[in-house]
C-alpha atoms as a PDB file:
ATOM      1  CA  UNK A   1      -0.033   0.004   0.001  1.00  0.00           C
ATOM      2  CA  UNK A   2       1.390   3.383  -1.002  1.00  0.00           C
ATOM      3  CA  UNK A   3       1.381   6.528   1.081  1.00  0.00           C
ATOM      4  CA  UNK A   4       0.495   9.816  -0.592  1.00  0.00           C
ATOM      5  CA  UNK A   5       2.281  12.893   0.761  1.00  0.00           C
ATOM      6  CA  UNK A   6       1.610  16.499  -0.152  1.00  0.00           C
ATOM      7  CA  UNK A   7       2.068  19.991   1.178  1.00  0.00           C
ATOM      8  CA  UNK A   8      -1.180  21.155   2.763  1.00  0.00           C
ATOM      9  CA  UNK A   9      -2.821  24.579   2.915  1.00  0.00           C
ATOM     10  CA  UNK A  10      -1.016  27.092   5.065  1.00  0.00           C
ATOM     11  CA  UNK A  11      -2.455  29.357   7.782  1.00  0.00           C
ATOM     12  CA  UNK A  12      -1.883  32.432   5.665  1.00  0.00           C
ATOM     13  CA  UNK A  13      -0.029  35.700   6.180  1.00  0.00           C
ATOM     14  CA  UNK A  14      -2.329  36.674   9.067  1.00  0.00           C
ATOM     15  CA  UNK A  15      -0.665  34.248  11.502  1.00  0.00           C
ATOM     16  CA  UNK A  16       0.356  36.238  14.549  1.00  0.00           C
ATOM     17  CA  UNK A  17       2.595  35.509  17.524  1.00  0.00           C
ATOM     18  CA  UNK A  18       0.860  33.923  20.473  1.00  0.00           C
ATOM     19  CA  UNK A  19       0.101  35.786  23.692  1.00  0.00           C
ATOM     20  CA  UNK A  20       3.084  36.502  25.905  1.00  0.00           C
ATOM     21  CA  UNK A  21       5.502  36.909  22.997  1.00  0.00           C
ATOM     22  CA  UNK A  22       5.597  33.195  22.079  1.00  0.00           C
ATOM     23  CA  UNK A  23       6.477  32.428  18.455  1.00  0.00           C
ATOM     24  CA  UNK A  24       3.635  32.043  15.997  1.00  0.00           C
ATOM     25  CA  UNK A  25       2.633  28.467  15.241  1.00  0.00           C
ATOM     26  CA  UNK A  26       4.260  26.721  12.293  1.00  0.00           C
ATOM     27  CA  UNK A  27       2.166  27.514   9.249  1.00  0.00           C
ATOM     28  CA  UNK A  28       3.279  24.945   6.669  1.00  0.00           C
ATOM     29  CA  UNK A  29       2.488  21.250   6.871  1.00  0.00           C
ATOM     30  CA  UNK A  30       2.685  17.951   5.008  1.00  0.00           C
ATOM     31  CA  UNK A  31      -0.371  15.721   4.777  1.00  0.00           C
ATOM     32  CA  UNK A  32      -0.363  11.948   4.446  1.00  0.00           C
ATOM     33  CA  UNK A  33      -3.013   9.584   3.122  1.00  0.00           C
ATOM     34  CA  UNK A  34      -2.616   5.818   3.540  1.00  0.00           C
ATOM     35  CA  UNK A  35      -5.084   3.760   1.554  1.00  0.00           C
ATOM     36  CA  UNK A  36      -8.696   4.405   2.696  1.00  0.00           C
ATOM     37  CA  UNK A  37      -7.650   6.066   5.965  1.00  0.00           C
ATOM     38  CA  UNK A  38      -8.491   9.770   6.299  1.00  0.00           C
ATOM     39  CA  UNK A  39      -5.757  12.203   5.384  1.00  0.00           C
ATOM     40  CA  UNK A  40      -3.737  13.294   8.424  1.00  0.00           C
ATOM     41  CA  UNK A  41      -0.947  15.723   9.239  1.00  0.00           C
ATOM     42  CA  UNK A  42       2.364  13.898   8.976  1.00  0.00           C
ATOM     43  CA  UNK A  43       4.573  16.790  10.016  1.00  0.00           C
ATOM     44  CA  UNK A  44       4.783  20.558  10.298  1.00  0.00           C
ATOM     45  CA  UNK A  45       7.627  22.005   8.255  1.00  0.00           C
ATOM     46  CA  UNK A  46       9.532  25.205   8.935  1.00  0.00           C
ATOM     47  CA  UNK A  47      12.732  26.628   7.411  1.00  0.00           C
ATOM     48  CA  UNK A  48      15.688  26.805   9.854  1.00  0.00           C
ATOM     49  CA  UNK A  49      17.328  30.165   9.532  1.00  0.00           C
ATOM     50  CA  UNK A  50      21.048  30.859   9.697  1.00  0.00           C
ATOM     51  CA  UNK A  51      22.563  33.538  11.937  1.00  0.00           C
ATOM     52  CA  UNK A  52      21.783  36.198   9.325  1.00  0.00           C
ATOM     53  CA  UNK A  53      18.097  35.440   9.470  1.00  0.00           C
ATOM     54  CA  UNK A  54      15.740  35.537   6.529  1.00  0.00           C
ATOM     55  CA  UNK A  55      17.941  37.706   4.244  1.00  0.00           C
ATOM     56  CA  UNK A  56      20.873  35.264   4.702  1.00  0.00           C
ATOM     57  CA  UNK A  57      18.651  32.243   4.071  1.00  0.00           C
ATOM     58  CA  UNK A  58      17.147  33.696   0.920  1.00  0.00           C
ATOM     59  CA  UNK A  59      20.592  34.595  -0.422  1.00  0.00           C
ATOM     60  CA  UNK A  60      21.953  31.071   0.230  1.00  0.00           C
ATOM     61  CA  UNK A  61      18.922  29.377  -1.295  1.00  0.00           C
ATOM     62  CA  UNK A  62      19.723  31.128  -4.563  1.00  0.00           C
ATOM     63  CA  UNK A  63      22.743  28.854  -4.780  1.00  0.00           C
ATOM     64  CA  UNK A  64      20.740  25.744  -3.946  1.00  0.00           C
ATOM     65  CA  UNK A  65      21.061  25.676  -0.166  1.00  0.00           C
ATOM     66  CA  UNK A  66      18.043  24.569   1.856  1.00  0.00           C
ATOM     67  CA  UNK A  67      17.427  24.016   5.573  1.00  0.00           C
ATOM     68  CA  UNK A  68      14.199  23.096   7.298  1.00  0.00           C
ATOM     69  CA  UNK A  69      12.778  21.258  10.315  1.00  0.00           C
ATOM     70  CA  UNK A  70      10.026  18.666  10.512  1.00  0.00           C
ATOM     71  CA  UNK A  71       7.997  19.174  13.653  1.00  0.00           C
ATOM     72  CA  UNK A  72       5.441  16.783  15.222  1.00  0.00           C
ATOM     73  CA  UNK A  73       3.139  19.653  16.097  1.00  0.00           C
ATOM     74  CA  UNK A  74       2.645  23.292  15.184  1.00  0.00           C
ATOM     75  CA  UNK A  75       4.027  24.548  18.507  1.00  0.00           C
ATOM     76  CA  UNK A  76       7.478  22.900  17.999  1.00  0.00           C
ATOM     77  CA  UNK A  77       7.276  20.559  20.975  1.00  0.00           C
ATOM     78  CA  UNK A  78       8.946  17.650  19.232  1.00  0.00           C
ATOM     79  CA  UNK A  79      11.550  17.761  16.434  1.00  0.00           C
ATOM     80  CA  UNK A  80      11.112  14.834  14.050  1.00  0.00           C
ATOM     81  CA  UNK A  81      13.931  15.497  11.621  1.00  0.00           C
ATOM     82  CA  UNK A  82      16.107  18.241  10.157  1.00  0.00           C
ATOM     83  CA  UNK A  83      17.228  18.752   6.579  1.00  0.00           C
ATOM     84  CA  UNK A  84      20.571  20.501   6.100  1.00  0.00           C
ATOM     85  CA  UNK A  85      22.670  21.353   3.074  1.00  0.00           C
ATOM     86  CA  UNK A  86      25.915  19.403   2.921  1.00  0.00           C
ATOM     87  CA  UNK A  87      27.163  21.150  -0.252  1.00  0.00           C
ATOM     88  CA  UNK A  88      25.771  23.341  -3.017  1.00  0.00           C
ATOM     89  CA  UNK A  89      27.865  24.480  -5.939  1.00  0.00           C
ATOM     90  CA  UNK A  90      27.865  24.523  -9.732  1.00  0.00           C
ATOM     91  CA  UNK A  91      24.220  23.366  -9.938  1.00  0.00           C
ATOM     92  CA  UNK A  92      24.702  20.312  -7.758  1.00  0.00           C
ATOM     93  CA  UNK A  93      23.372  20.227  -4.173  1.00  0.00           C
ATOM     94  CA  UNK A  94      23.532  17.510  -1.512  1.00  0.00           C
ATOM     95  CA  UNK A  95      21.169  17.490   1.431  1.00  0.00           C
ATOM     96  CA  UNK A  96      21.225  15.342   4.579  1.00  0.00           C
ATOM     97  CA  UNK A  97      18.184  14.419   6.583  1.00  0.00           C
ATOM     98  CA  UNK A  98      18.906  13.634  10.225  1.00  0.00           C
ATOM     99  CA  UNK A  99      16.675  12.561  13.053  1.00  0.00           C
ATOM    100  CA  UNK A 100      16.092  14.281  16.383  1.00  0.00           C
ATOM    101  CA  UNK A 101      19.232  12.719  17.852  1.00  0.00           C
ATOM    102  CA  UNK A 102      21.462  13.360  14.852  1.00  0.00           C
ATOM    103  CA  UNK A 103      21.064   9.902  13.300  1.00  0.00           C
ATOM    104  CA  UNK A 104      21.181   9.789   9.479  1.00  0.00           C
ATOM    105  CA  UNK A 105      17.839   9.102   7.826  1.00  0.00           C
ATOM    106  CA  UNK A 106      18.937   9.584   4.260  1.00  0.00           C
ATOM    107  CA  UNK A 107      20.404  11.961   1.658  1.00  0.00           C
ATOM    108  CA  UNK A 108      19.102  13.810  -1.407  1.00  0.00           C
ATOM    109  CA  UNK A 109      21.200  14.994  -4.335  1.00  0.00           C
ATOM    110  CA  UNK A 110      19.856  17.446  -6.866  1.00  0.00           C
ATOM    111  CA  UNK A 111      21.788  17.832 -10.139  1.00  0.00           C
ATOM    112  CA  UNK A 112      20.391  20.693 -12.135  1.00  0.00           C
ATOM    113  CA  UNK A 113      19.680  20.153 -15.830  1.00  0.00           C
ATOM    114  CA  UNK A 114      22.683  20.853 -18.042  1.00  0.00           C
ATOM    115  CA  UNK A 115      24.898  21.281 -14.971  1.00  0.00           C
ATOM    116  CA  UNK A 116      24.926  17.698 -13.688  1.00  0.00           C
ATOM    117  CA  UNK A 117      24.998  14.459 -15.662  1.00  0.00           C
ATOM    118  CA  UNK A 118      22.165  14.959 -18.134  1.00  0.00           C
ATOM    119  CA  UNK A 119      19.757  17.187 -19.945  1.00  0.00           C
ATOM    120  CA  UNK A 120      17.119  16.744 -17.230  1.00  0.00           C
ATOM    121  CA  UNK A 121      17.312  17.598 -13.564  1.00  0.00           C
ATOM    122  CA  UNK A 122      18.436  14.455 -11.738  1.00  0.00           C
ATOM    123  CA  UNK A 123      17.315  13.604  -8.214  1.00  0.00           C
ATOM    124  CA  UNK A 124      19.028  10.880  -6.164  1.00  0.00           C
ATOM    125  CA  UNK A 125      17.463   9.646  -2.946  1.00  0.00           C
ATOM    126  CA  UNK A 126      19.473   7.329  -0.703  1.00  0.00           C
ATOM    127  CA  UNK A 127      17.955   6.024   2.564  1.00  0.00           C
ATOM    128  CA  UNK A 128      20.456   5.248   5.332  1.00  0.00           C
ATOM    129  CA  UNK A 129      21.663   1.689   4.835  1.00  0.00           C
ATOM    130  CA  UNK A 130      19.689   1.228   1.602  1.00  0.00           C
ATOM    131  CA  UNK A 131      20.277   1.458  -2.126  1.00  0.00           C
ATOM    132  CA  UNK A 132      20.109   4.780  -3.948  1.00  0.00           C
ATOM    133  CA  UNK A 133      17.102   5.584  -6.106  1.00  0.00           C
ATOM    134  CA  UNK A 134      17.509   7.831  -9.139  1.00  0.00           C
ATOM    135  CA  UNK A 135      14.802   9.859 -10.785  1.00  0.00           C
ATOM    136  CA  UNK A 136      14.736  12.419 -13.645  1.00  0.00           C
ATOM    137  CA  UNK A 137      12.429  15.398 -13.890  1.00  0.00           C
ATOM    138  CA  UNK A 138       9.907  14.879 -16.669  1.00  0.00           C
ATOM    139  CA  UNK A 139       9.683  12.215 -19.369  1.00  0.00           C
ATOM    140  CA  UNK A 140      11.905  12.526 -22.407  1.00  0.00           C
ATOM    141  CA  UNK A 141       8.895  12.465 -24.780  1.00  0.00           C
ATOM    142  CA  UNK A 142       7.137  15.293 -23.051  1.00  0.00           C
ATOM    143  CA  UNK A 143      10.325  17.390 -22.965  1.00  0.00           C
ATOM    144  CA  UNK A 144      10.635  16.974 -26.731  1.00  0.00           C
ATOM    145  CA  UNK A 145       7.057  18.197 -27.113  1.00  0.00           C
ATOM    146  CA  UNK A 146       7.687  21.095 -24.722  1.00  0.00           C
ATOM    147  CA  UNK A 147      10.762  22.235 -26.610  1.00  0.00           C
ATOM    148  CA  UNK A 148       8.962  22.048 -29.920  1.00  0.00           C
ATOM    149  CA  UNK A 149       6.695  24.812 -28.643  1.00  0.00           C
ATOM    150  CA  UNK A 150       9.641  26.944 -27.481  1.00  0.00           C
ATOM    151  CA  UNK A 151       8.775  29.847 -29.886  1.00  0.00           C
ATOM    152  CA  UNK A 152       5.331  30.009 -28.254  1.00  0.00           C
ATOM    153  CA  UNK A 153       6.587  29.876 -24.699  1.00  0.00           C
ATOM    154  CA  UNK A 154       6.393  33.619 -24.130  1.00  0.00           C
ATOM    155  CA  UNK A 155       2.763  33.696 -25.114  1.00  0.00           C
ATOM    156  CA  UNK A 156       2.009  30.544 -23.081  1.00  0.00           C
ATOM    157  CA  UNK A 157       3.619  32.082 -20.016  1.00  0.00           C
ATOM    158  CA  UNK A 158       1.683  35.339 -20.306  1.00  0.00           C
ATOM    159  CA  UNK A 159      -1.693  33.597 -20.870  1.00  0.00           C
ATOM    160  CA  UNK A 160      -0.996  31.108 -18.100  1.00  0.00           C
ATOM    161  CA  UNK A 161      -0.227  33.811 -15.570  1.00  0.00           C
ATOM    162  CA  UNK A 162      -3.154  35.983 -16.568  1.00  0.00           C
ATOM    163  CA  UNK A 163      -5.680  33.200 -16.800  1.00  0.00           C
ATOM    164  CA  UNK A 164      -4.612  30.897 -14.004  1.00  0.00           C
ATOM    165  CA  UNK A 165      -1.859  29.905 -11.679  1.00  0.00           C
ATOM    166  CA  UNK A 166       1.023  29.682 -14.167  1.00  0.00           C
ATOM    167  CA  UNK A 167       1.094  25.910 -14.177  1.00  0.00           C
ATOM    168  CA  UNK A 168       0.762  25.584 -17.965  1.00  0.00           C
ATOM    169  CA  UNK A 169       4.047  27.433 -18.432  1.00  0.00           C
ATOM    170  CA  UNK A 170       5.998  24.831 -16.468  1.00  0.00           C
ATOM    171  CA  UNK A 171       8.012  22.126 -18.134  1.00  0.00           C
ATOM    172  CA  UNK A 172       7.310  18.408 -17.487  1.00  0.00           C
ATOM    173  CA  UNK A 173       7.754  17.655 -13.809  1.00  0.00           C
ATOM    174  CA  UNK A 174       6.826  14.061 -13.021  1.00  0.00           C
ATOM    175  CA  UNK A 175       9.621  12.050 -11.424  1.00  0.00           C
ATOM    176  CA  UNK A 176       9.827   8.255 -10.941  1.00  0.00           C
ATOM    177  CA  UNK A 177      12.722   7.056  -8.781  1.00  0.00           C
ATOM    178  CA  UNK A 178      14.174   3.659  -9.627  1.00  0.00           C
ATOM    179  CA  UNK A 179      16.433   1.426  -7.571  1.00  0.00           C
ATOM    180  CA  UNK A 180      17.214  -1.586  -9.692  1.00  0.00           C
ATOM    181  CA  UNK A 181      13.862  -3.035 -10.744  1.00  0.00           C
ATOM    182  CA  UNK A 182      11.985  -1.241  -7.994  1.00  0.00           C
ATOM    183  CA  UNK A 183      10.277   2.157  -8.135  1.00  0.00           C
ATOM    184  CA  UNK A 184      10.063   3.170  -4.457  1.00  0.00           C
ATOM    185  CA  UNK A 185       9.170   6.799  -4.971  1.00  0.00           C
ATOM    186  CA  UNK A 186       7.152   8.898  -7.387  1.00  0.00           C
ATOM    187  CA  UNK A 187       6.380  12.576  -7.718  1.00  0.00           C
ATOM    188  CA  UNK A 188       3.149  13.420  -9.556  1.00  0.00           C
ATOM    189  CA  UNK A 189       2.821  16.918 -10.910  1.00  0.00           C
ATOM    190  CA  UNK A 190      -0.985  16.887 -11.118  1.00  0.00           C
ATOM    191  CA  UNK A 191      -1.320  17.296  -7.372  1.00  0.00           C
ATOM    192  CA  UNK A 192       2.302  17.973  -6.371  1.00  0.00           C
ATOM    193  CA  UNK A 193       2.375  14.800  -4.294  1.00  0.00           C
ATOM    194  CA  UNK A 194       5.008  12.173  -3.526  1.00  0.00           C
ATOM    195  CA  UNK A 195       3.936   8.537  -3.620  1.00  0.00           C
ATOM    196  CA  UNK A 196       5.931   6.387  -1.208  1.00  0.00           C
ATOM    197  CA  UNK A 197       5.628   2.865  -2.686  1.00  0.00           C
ATOM    198  CA  UNK A 198       8.320   1.074  -0.640  1.00  0.00           C
ATOM    199  CA  UNK A 199       7.027  -0.007   2.778  1.00  0.00           C
ATOM    200  CA  UNK A 200      10.577  -0.218   4.135  1.00  0.00           C
ATOM    201  CA  UNK A 201      11.320   3.462   3.582  1.00  0.00           C
ATOM    202  CA  UNK A 202      11.386   5.796   6.638  1.00  0.00           C
ATOM    203  CA  UNK A 203       8.269   7.917   6.217  1.00  0.00           C
ATOM    204  CA  UNK A 204      10.247  11.034   7.241  1.00  0.00           C
ATOM    205  CA  UNK A 205      12.286  10.658   4.070  1.00  0.00           C
ATOM    206  CA  UNK A 206       9.103  10.960   1.990  1.00  0.00           C
ATOM    207  CA  UNK A 207       7.895  13.920   4.006  1.00  0.00           C
ATOM    208  CA  UNK A 208      11.184  15.780   3.641  1.00  0.00           C
ATOM    209  CA  UNK A 209      11.290  14.955  -0.083  1.00  0.00           C
ATOM    210  CA  UNK A 210       7.887  16.508  -0.882  1.00  0.00           C
ATOM    211  CA  UNK A 211       8.810  19.601   1.199  1.00  0.00           C
ATOM    212  CA  UNK A 212      12.202  19.838  -0.551  1.00  0.00           C
ATOM    213  CA  UNK A 213      10.713  19.471  -4.049  1.00  0.00           C
ATOM    214  CA  UNK A 214       8.224  22.230  -3.334  1.00  0.00           C
ATOM    215  CA  UNK A 215      11.103  24.614  -2.609  1.00  0.00           C
ATOM    216  CA  UNK A 216      11.996  24.258  -6.291  1.00  0.00           C
ATOM    217  CA  UNK A 217       8.606  25.239  -7.717  1.00  0.00           C
ATOM    218  CA  UNK A 218       8.494  27.268 -10.907  1.00  0.00           C
ATOM    219  CA  UNK A 219       9.960  30.786 -10.542  1.00  0.00           C
ATOM    220  CA  UNK A 220       6.899  31.954 -12.465  1.00  0.00           C
ATOM    221  CA  UNK A 221       4.644  31.259  -9.533  1.00  0.00           C
ATOM    222  CA  UNK A 222       6.895  32.843  -6.919  1.00  0.00           C
ATOM    223  CA  UNK A 223       5.172  30.678  -4.325  1.00  0.00           C
ATOM    224  CA  UNK A 224       7.914  28.486  -2.879  1.00  0.00           C
ATOM    225  CA  UNK A 225       6.987  28.039   0.744  1.00  0.00           C
ATOM    226  CA  UNK A 226      10.529  28.648   2.051  1.00  0.00           C
ATOM    227  CA  UNK A 227      11.153  31.874   0.092  1.00  0.00           C
ATOM    228  CA  UNK A 228       8.922  34.229   2.042  1.00  0.00           C
ATOM    229  CA  UNK A 229      10.238  37.597   3.158  1.00  0.00           C
ATOM    230  CA  UNK A 230       8.692  37.227   6.599  1.00  0.00           C
END
């Protein structure tokens, strides 16, 4: 049975600090659906800021760096896992996911298209103690179709932004990760969800993956959850 993970609706910009000066609750979350069971909150996700605060984080993320925490509740009472950037340079970034006690859960490697080892963005997911799974952004066939319409892209972008949410202007985004003959993970662009097909995977790896992928949404939308100015 597969688990379906997706970023849920946020509390909005109106979230205020609690009484007594306590920090405002975490506003972003990841939802999980298992089979016929009702969808539930798997974790609350919040970027972890460097000493320079939001400006320093936003500057570093331009080079591929990311850092966020998975919380068990919106009031930060229990840390489930933390994603940190191990390295980010020349279009290739490596991220480590560690548990509350520093134990390694897994790693993610993003190799940007044309800068890594192929014409498509390559994502490698490696669970601790398990085989790596490799996935490529978009199917080759659909990329060929997309590039055929390159002369019309400007018009498509304008119409997409004016008439909707900009999604039509994106390139192909589906990703299927393969480890040998297995396909343990899948990202579906229709609903921006990650399917966790392998029962042996740590569920926190899937939660972190969907949150990480959503930090690389189309620049046209300007809606990456970790790129806010506040």
